[in-house]
Amino acid sequence: MIGKEDKIYIAGHRGMVGSAIWRALENNGYKNLIGKTSKELDLRNQLAVQRFFDAEKPAIVIDAAARVGGILANSDYPYQFLMENLQIQNNLIDFSFKSGVNNFIFLGSSCIYPKMAPQPLKEEYLLTDSLESTNEWYAIAKITGVKACEAIRKQYGKNYISLMPTNLYGSYDNFDLKTSHVLPAMIRKFHDAKLNNNAPVILWGSGNPKREFLYVDDMAEAVVFALENKLSDSLYNVGTGVDISIKELAELIQIIVGHEGEINWDSSKPDGTPRKLMDVSKMTDAGWKSKITLEKGIRSTYEWFLEHKDSFKEVRVKSITKSDIS
């Protein structure tokens, strides 16, 4: 069992997921949390990571650090998405193991599963078919992390767990239109278009693909649950078990934001995977399930966006730019 005073290192603690995990741990009484910014610790640098573990000696490590992005970013920077994610996670996993860390949480993504896998996605579908080509570089890196944790668990009996969240969103999300995922990109686009006299919003694809979305505070609670409960396996999906079409998502966000213009779909652009719904029965059977509805989560996310919008560059254009569907 872990203790409230155990030193917990959260890699990526300034990001959307890492900051939510930090808040959740504090709210649950954990008092010895540590984090380093990328300027303080370059997780791609093997020697720097080794020195960090030698100095800090954390008892628990949560890997919420990664280079992330949508279709456009993955397509433009395949080498960086593959290599940098491998460097980050390999350094964290290896030095956690070598320094005696017994509890490690590795966070991945639903993109690790084959593009045409049966729905909903079960953990057992991993490596049964080919990946979605638009984000295979990121997916391959994450699959390697999952297998590394599984190998340590199998060979050495350490509690190394991989949690595969569905599409996450919430406070501290990325609202940059060139690198963001579909939900925050839509919030940004509808908001900017509303300010631009309710200009039409152009979105990629047909709107037909279906996606599942999990509010990041729910994800953080799943991490706390995984730390506090002995899970019997190494890989667990984390999601709501409910999906929605991209068209329905756009209409919901449009209502919440208050945009009154047209939505136009550019069908010449790729849709990505037709459907990605997670089978979350393993986590449900273990005793955890999500609590925050999609509408409530989007409203909270838009409220956060409005509070911090001055830090985002306003986009005042007649034709709204690209959207990514992860």
Protein backbone atom coordinates (compact mmCIF):
# COMPACT_ATOMS: atom_id res chain seq x y z
CA MET A 1 0.00 0.00 0.00
CA ILE A 2 1.17 3.53 -0.69
CA GLY A 3 1.26 6.17 2.03
CA LYS A 4 0.15 9.79 2.03
CA GLU A 5 3.74 10.83 2.75
CA ASP A 6 5.34 8.78 -0.05
CA LYS A 7 7.24 10.90 -2.54
CA ILE A 8 5.33 10.94 -5.83
CA TYR A 9 6.97 12.27 -9.00
CA ILE A 10 4.53 13.44 -11.67
CA ALA A 11 6.28 13.77 -15.03
CA GLY A 12 4.48 16.40 -17.09
CA HIS A 13 2.92 18.06 -14.05
CA ARG A 14 2.33 21.35 -15.88
CA GLY A 15 0.30 19.77 -18.67
CA MET A 16 -3.44 19.21 -18.83
CA VAL A 17 -3.29 15.63 -17.52
CA GLY A 18 -0.37 16.06 -15.13
CA SER A 19 -1.83 19.15 -13.47
CA ALA A 20 -5.16 17.37 -13.01
CA ILE A 21 -3.39 14.41 -11.41
CA TRP A 22 -1.52 16.79 -9.09
CA ARG A 23 -4.82 18.40 -8.01
CA ALA A 24 -6.47 15.01 -7.49
CA LEU A 25 -3.60 13.71 -5.37
CA GLU A 26 -3.60 16.86 -3.22
CA ASN A 27 -7.37 16.60 -2.81
CA ASN A 28 -6.92 13.00 -1.66
CA GLY A 29 -4.39 13.94 1.01
CA TYR A 30 -1.05 13.24 -0.68
CA LYS A 31 1.48 15.76 0.57
CA ASN A 32 4.86 14.87 -0.96
CA LEU A 33 4.46 15.65 -4.67
CA ILE A 34 7.32 16.68 -6.91
CA GLY A 35 7.46 17.94 -10.48
CA LYS A 36 9.99 19.48 -12.82
CA THR A 37 9.39 21.75 -15.78
CA SER A 38 10.95 20.84 -19.13
CA LYS A 39 13.52 23.59 -18.56
CA GLU A 40 14.45 22.11 -15.19
CA LEU A 41 14.58 18.52 -16.46
CA ASP A 42 14.74 17.44 -20.12
CA LEU A 43 13.19 13.99 -20.00
CA ARG A 44 14.73 13.18 -23.38
CA ASN A 45 18.18 13.46 -21.80
CA GLN A 46 19.17 10.11 -20.31
CA LEU A 47 21.93 11.45 -18.07
CA ALA A 48 19.72 14.25 -16.73
CA VAL A 49 16.95 11.79 -15.87
CA GLN A 50 19.44 9.45 -14.16
CA ARG A 51 20.76 12.31 -12.02
CA PHE A 52 17.21 13.33 -11.11
CA PHE A 53 16.36 9.83 -9.84
CA ASP A 54 19.64 9.57 -7.95
CA ALA A 55 18.93 12.87 -6.20
CA GLU A 56 15.17 12.70 -5.57
CA LYS A 57 14.56 8.96 -5.10
CA PRO A 58 10.77 9.04 -5.66
CA ALA A 59 8.74 6.11 -4.33
CA ILE A 60 6.03 6.44 -6.99
CA VAL A 61 6.24 7.72 -10.58
CA ILE A 62 3.38 8.83 -12.82
CA ASP A 63 4.29 9.36 -16.47
CA ALA A 64 1.99 12.04 -17.86
CA ALA A 65 4.71 13.52 -20.09
CA ALA A 66 4.57 13.17 -23.85
CA ARG A 67 4.76 15.03 -27.12
CA VAL A 68 1.14 15.13 -28.29
CA GLY A 69 -0.93 16.56 -31.13
CA GLY A 70 -3.59 15.80 -33.71
CA ILE A 71 -3.55 14.62 -37.33
CA LEU A 72 -1.73 17.65 -38.68
CA ALA A 73 1.04 17.62 -36.09
CA ASN A 74 1.55 13.85 -36.38
CA SER A 75 1.74 14.10 -40.17
CA ASP A 76 4.23 16.97 -40.14
CA TYR A 77 6.57 15.66 -37.42
CA PRO A 78 6.56 11.83 -37.54
CA TYR A 79 10.18 11.41 -36.39
CA GLN A 80 9.76 13.73 -33.40
CA PHE A 81 6.51 12.03 -32.35
CA LEU A 82 8.19 8.63 -32.47
CA MET A 83 11.65 9.38 -31.11
CA GLU A 84 10.89 11.99 -28.44
CA ASN A 85 8.11 9.91 -26.90
CA LEU A 86 10.37 6.85 -26.87
CA GLN A 87 13.13 8.84 -25.19
CA ILE A 88 10.83 10.32 -22.56
CA GLN A 89 9.08 7.13 -21.53
CA ASN A 90 12.13 4.83 -21.81
CA ASN A 91 14.15 7.08 -19.52
CA LEU A 92 11.33 7.29 -16.98
CA ILE A 93 10.51 3.59 -17.01
CA ASP A 94 14.13 2.38 -16.96
CA PHE A 95 15.38 4.67 -14.20
CA SER A 96 12.24 4.08 -12.14
CA PHE A 97 12.98 0.37 -12.33
CA LYS A 98 16.69 0.77 -11.64
CA SER A 99 16.11 3.08 -8.67
CA GLY A 100 13.67 0.70 -6.98
CA VAL A 101 10.33 2.35 -7.78
CA ASN A 102 7.65 -0.27 -7.17
CA ASN A 103 4.60 1.74 -8.30
CA PHE A 104 4.62 3.26 -11.79
CA ILE A 105 1.67 4.57 -13.80
CA PHE A 106 2.17 4.89 -17.55
CA LEU A 107 -0.40 6.93 -19.46
CA GLY A 108 -1.00 6.14 -23.11
CA SER A 109 -3.75 6.64 -25.65
CA SER A 110 -6.54 4.74 -27.36
CA CYS A 111 -4.60 5.16 -30.63
CA ILE A 112 -2.51 2.11 -29.63
CA TYR A 113 -5.31 -0.12 -30.91
CA PRO A 114 -5.67 -1.18 -34.56
CA LYS A 115 -7.55 1.18 -36.88
CA MET A 116 -10.22 -1.36 -37.81
CA ALA A 117 -10.43 -3.24 -34.51
CA PRO A 118 -13.91 -4.32 -33.42
CA GLN A 119 -15.82 -1.83 -31.31
CA PRO A 120 -15.72 -1.21 -28.43
CA LEU A 121 -11.93 -1.49 -28.10
CA LYS A 122 -10.77 -4.19 -25.70
CA GLU A 123 -7.30 -4.36 -24.19
CA GLU A 124 -6.80 -7.75 -25.85
CA TYR A 125 -6.95 -6.14 -29.32
CA LEU A 126 -3.49 -4.65 -28.90
CA LEU A 127 -1.12 -5.67 -31.75
CA THR A 128 -3.75 -7.67 -33.61
CA ASP A 129 -3.79 -5.51 -36.79
CA SER A 130 -2.40 -2.35 -38.43
CA LEU A 131 -2.60 1.09 -36.85
CA GLU A 132 -4.24 4.30 -38.06
CA SER A 133 -1.61 5.80 -40.39
CA THR A 134 -2.22 9.42 -39.31
CA ASN A 135 -0.88 8.82 -35.79
CA GLU A 136 1.05 5.55 -35.99
CA TRP A 137 4.32 7.20 -34.90
CA TYR A 138 2.88 8.27 -31.56
CA ALA A 139 1.02 4.97 -31.22
CA ILE A 140 4.14 2.85 -31.77
CA ALA A 141 5.97 4.76 -29.05
CA LYS A 142 3.09 4.29 -26.61
CA ILE A 143 2.80 0.57 -27.42
CA THR A 144 6.49 0.23 -26.54
CA GLY A 145 5.81 1.86 -23.17
CA VAL A 146 2.90 -0.47 -22.49
CA LYS A 147 5.04 -3.51 -23.27
CA ALA A 148 7.96 -2.25 -21.18
CA CYS A 149 5.68 -1.91 -18.15
CA GLU A 150 4.18 -5.34 -18.83
CA ALA A 151 7.66 -6.87 -19.06
CA ILE A 152 8.78 -5.36 -15.73
CA ARG A 153 5.57 -6.52 -14.08
CA LYS A 154 5.95 -10.03 -15.53
CA GLN A 155 9.67 -10.46 -14.88
CA TYR A 156 10.11 -8.61 -11.59
CA GLY A 157 6.64 -8.45 -10.04
CA LYS A 158 6.58 -4.68 -9.71
CA ASN A 159 3.29 -2.75 -9.82
CA TYR A 160 3.76 -1.09 -13.21
CA ILE A 161 0.34 -0.20 -14.67
CA SER A 162 -0.56 1.23 -18.10
CA LEU A 163 -3.75 3.29 -18.31
CA MET A 164 -5.06 3.99 -21.81
CA PRO A 165 -7.38 7.01 -21.76
CA THR A 166 -9.79 7.86 -24.49
CA ASN A 167 -9.74 11.43 -25.90
CA LEU A 168 -9.12 13.78 -22.97
CA TYR A 169 -10.12 17.42 -22.58
CA GLY A 170 -10.44 20.02 -19.84
CA SER A 171 -8.56 22.77 -18.01
CA TYR A 172 -5.07 23.54 -19.37
CA ASP A 173 -5.92 21.93 -22.71
CA ASN A 174 -4.12 22.96 -25.89
CA PHE A 175 -6.20 25.44 -27.90
CA ASP A 176 -3.62 26.10 -30.62
CA LEU A 177 -5.37 25.48 -33.94
CA LYS A 178 -2.29 23.92 -35.54
CA THR A 179 -1.57 21.33 -32.87
CA SER A 180 -4.73 20.80 -30.80
CA HIS A 181 -7.13 17.88 -30.75
CA VAL A 182 -10.66 18.08 -32.04
CA LEU A 183 -12.61 19.19 -28.95
CA PRO A 184 -10.44 22.13 -27.82
CA ALA A 185 -9.91 23.09 -31.48
CA MET A 186 -13.69 23.33 -31.91
CA ILE A 187 -14.07 25.43 -28.76
CA ARG A 188 -11.44 27.83 -30.07
CA LYS A 189 -12.92 27.96 -33.58
CA PHE A 190 -16.50 28.57 -32.48
CA HIS A 191 -15.38 31.20 -29.99
CA ASP A 192 -13.27 33.07 -32.53
CA ALA A 193 -16.00 32.82 -35.14
CA LYS A 194 -18.58 34.16 -32.67
CA LEU A 195 -16.38 37.21 -32.10
CA ASN A 196 -15.99 37.54 -35.86
CA ASN A 197 -19.71 38.32 -36.43
CA ASN A 198 -20.67 34.64 -36.19
CA ALA A 199 -18.59 33.76 -39.24
CA PRO A 200 -18.99 30.26 -40.72
CA VAL A 201 -16.86 27.54 -39.14
CA ILE A 202 -15.16 25.08 -41.47
CA LEU A 203 -14.33 21.68 -39.97
CA TRP A 204 -12.35 18.78 -41.40
CA GLY A 205 -13.98 15.64 -42.76
CA SER A 206 -17.56 14.49 -42.96
CA GLY A 207 -18.51 14.74 -39.29
CA ASN A 208 -19.47 11.06 -39.31
CA PRO A 209 -16.65 9.52 -37.22
CA LYS A 210 -17.56 8.78 -33.63
CA ARG A 211 -15.36 9.57 -30.67
CA GLU A 212 -15.44 9.12 -26.91
CA PHE A 213 -14.35 11.96 -24.61
CA LEU A 214 -13.27 11.91 -20.98
CA TYR A 215 -12.96 15.00 -18.77
CA VAL A 216 -9.42 15.23 -17.48
CA ASP A 217 -10.45 15.40 -13.80
CA ASP A 218 -12.10 12.01 -14.24
CA MET A 219 -8.86 10.67 -15.70
CA ALA A 220 -6.95 12.01 -12.71
CA GLU A 221 -9.27 10.18 -10.33
CA ALA A 222 -8.65 6.98 -12.30
CA VAL A 223 -4.92 7.41 -11.69
CA VAL A 224 -5.49 7.84 -7.95
CA PHE A 225 -7.71 4.75 -8.00
CA ALA A 226 -4.99 2.73 -9.76
CA LEU A 227 -2.45 3.78 -7.12
CA GLU A 228 -4.68 2.98 -4.16
CA ASN A 229 -6.04 -0.35 -5.39
CA LYS A 230 -4.14 -3.48 -6.36
CA LEU A 231 -5.03 -4.11 -9.99
CA SER A 232 -4.64 -7.63 -11.32
CA ASP A 233 -3.44 -6.78 -14.83
CA SER A 234 -0.98 -4.37 -16.49
CA LEU A 235 -3.22 -2.66 -19.08
CA TYR A 236 -6.55 -0.89 -18.50
CA ASN A 237 -8.71 1.29 -20.72
CA VAL A 238 -10.04 4.47 -19.11
CA GLY A 239 -13.07 6.20 -20.57
CA THR A 240 -16.80 6.71 -20.35
CA GLY A 241 -17.90 3.82 -22.54
CA VAL A 242 -20.10 6.27 -24.51
CA ASP A 243 -19.26 7.96 -27.83
CA ILE A 244 -20.67 10.75 -29.99
CA SER A 245 -20.32 11.69 -33.66
CA ILE A 246 -18.04 14.59 -34.52
CA LYS A 247 -21.04 16.36 -36.06
CA GLU A 248 -23.02 16.01 -32.82
CA LEU A 249 -20.00 17.19 -30.85
CA ALA A 250 -19.69 20.29 -33.04
CA GLU A 251 -23.36 21.13 -32.58
CA LEU A 252 -23.08 20.72 -28.79
CA ILE A 253 -20.00 22.94 -28.59
CA GLN A 254 -21.64 25.51 -30.86
CA ILE A 255 -24.59 25.77 -28.45
CA ILE A 256 -22.37 26.00 -25.35
CA VAL A 257 -20.13 28.67 -26.94
CA GLY A 258 -23.09 30.60 -28.34
CA HIS A 259 -21.99 30.70 -31.97
CA GLU A 260 -24.93 31.38 -34.31
CA GLY A 261 -23.28 30.97 -37.72
CA GLU A 262 -23.04 28.06 -40.16
CA ILE A 263 -21.00 24.88 -39.81
CA ASN A 264 -19.43 23.72 -43.08
CA TRP A 265 -17.71 20.35 -43.46
CA ASP A 266 -14.70 19.99 -45.76
CA SER A 267 -15.09 16.38 -46.92
CA SER A 268 -11.84 16.56 -48.91
CA LYS A 269 -9.98 16.36 -45.59
CA PRO A 270 -9.38 13.06 -43.75
CA ASP A 271 -11.73 11.69 -41.12
CA GLY A 272 -9.24 9.50 -39.31
CA THR A 273 -10.39 6.29 -37.68
CA PRO A 274 -14.15 5.72 -38.25
CA ARG A 275 -14.86 4.97 -34.60
CA LYS A 276 -12.92 4.74 -31.34
CA LEU A 277 -15.01 3.59 -28.40
CA MET A 278 -13.27 2.07 -25.42
CA ASP A 279 -14.42 -1.05 -23.63
CA VAL A 280 -13.98 0.09 -20.03
CA SER A 281 -15.39 -3.03 -18.38
CA LYS A 282 -12.04 -4.00 -16.79
CA MET A 283 -11.84 -0.71 -14.90
CA THR A 284 -15.54 -0.86 -14.07
CA ASP A 285 -15.12 -4.37 -12.69
CA ALA A 286 -12.14 -3.15 -10.65
CA GLY A 287 -14.38 -0.50 -9.06
CA TRP A 288 -13.85 2.75 -11.04
CA LYS A 289 -16.13 4.60 -13.46
CA SER A 290 -16.32 8.14 -14.83
CA LYS A 291 -18.64 10.70 -13.23
CA ILE A 292 -18.60 13.90 -15.33
CA THR A 293 -20.96 14.17 -18.31
CA LEU A 294 -19.75 15.47 -21.67
CA GLU A 295 -21.93 18.60 -21.54
CA LYS A 296 -20.81 19.48 -18.02
CA GLY A 297 -17.19 18.87 -18.94
CA ILE A 298 -17.36 21.05 -22.06
CA ARG A 299 -19.01 23.86 -20.14
CA SER A 300 -16.27 23.72 -17.51
CA THR A 301 -13.61 23.66 -20.23
CA TYR A 302 -15.11 26.66 -22.02
CA GLU A 303 -15.28 28.56 -18.73
CA TRP A 304 -11.58 27.86 -18.20
CA PHE A 305 -10.86 28.95 -21.77
CA LEU A 306 -12.68 32.25 -21.23
CA GLU A 307 -10.71 32.90 -18.04
CA HIS A 308 -7.40 32.35 -19.85
CA LYS A 309 -8.23 33.48 -23.39
CA ASP A 310 -5.95 36.51 -23.17
CA SER A 311 -3.02 34.12 -23.34
CA PHE A 312 -4.27 32.79 -26.70
CA LYS A 313 -3.82 34.74 -29.91
CA GLU A 314 -7.21 35.60 -31.36
CA VAL A 315 -7.86 34.28 -34.86
CA ARG A 316 -9.84 36.77 -36.91
CA VAL A 317 -10.26 35.16 -40.31
CA LYS A 318 -13.11 34.66 -42.73
CA SER A 319 -12.32 30.98 -43.36
CA ILE A 320 -11.50 29.12 -40.18
CA THR A 321 -8.38 26.94 -40.31
CA LYS A 322 -7.89 23.22 -39.93
CA SER A 323 -9.27 20.91 -37.27
CA ASP A 324 -7.70 17.67 -36.12
CA ILE A 325 -9.56 14.53 -35.17
CA SER A 326 -7.42 12.29 -33.00
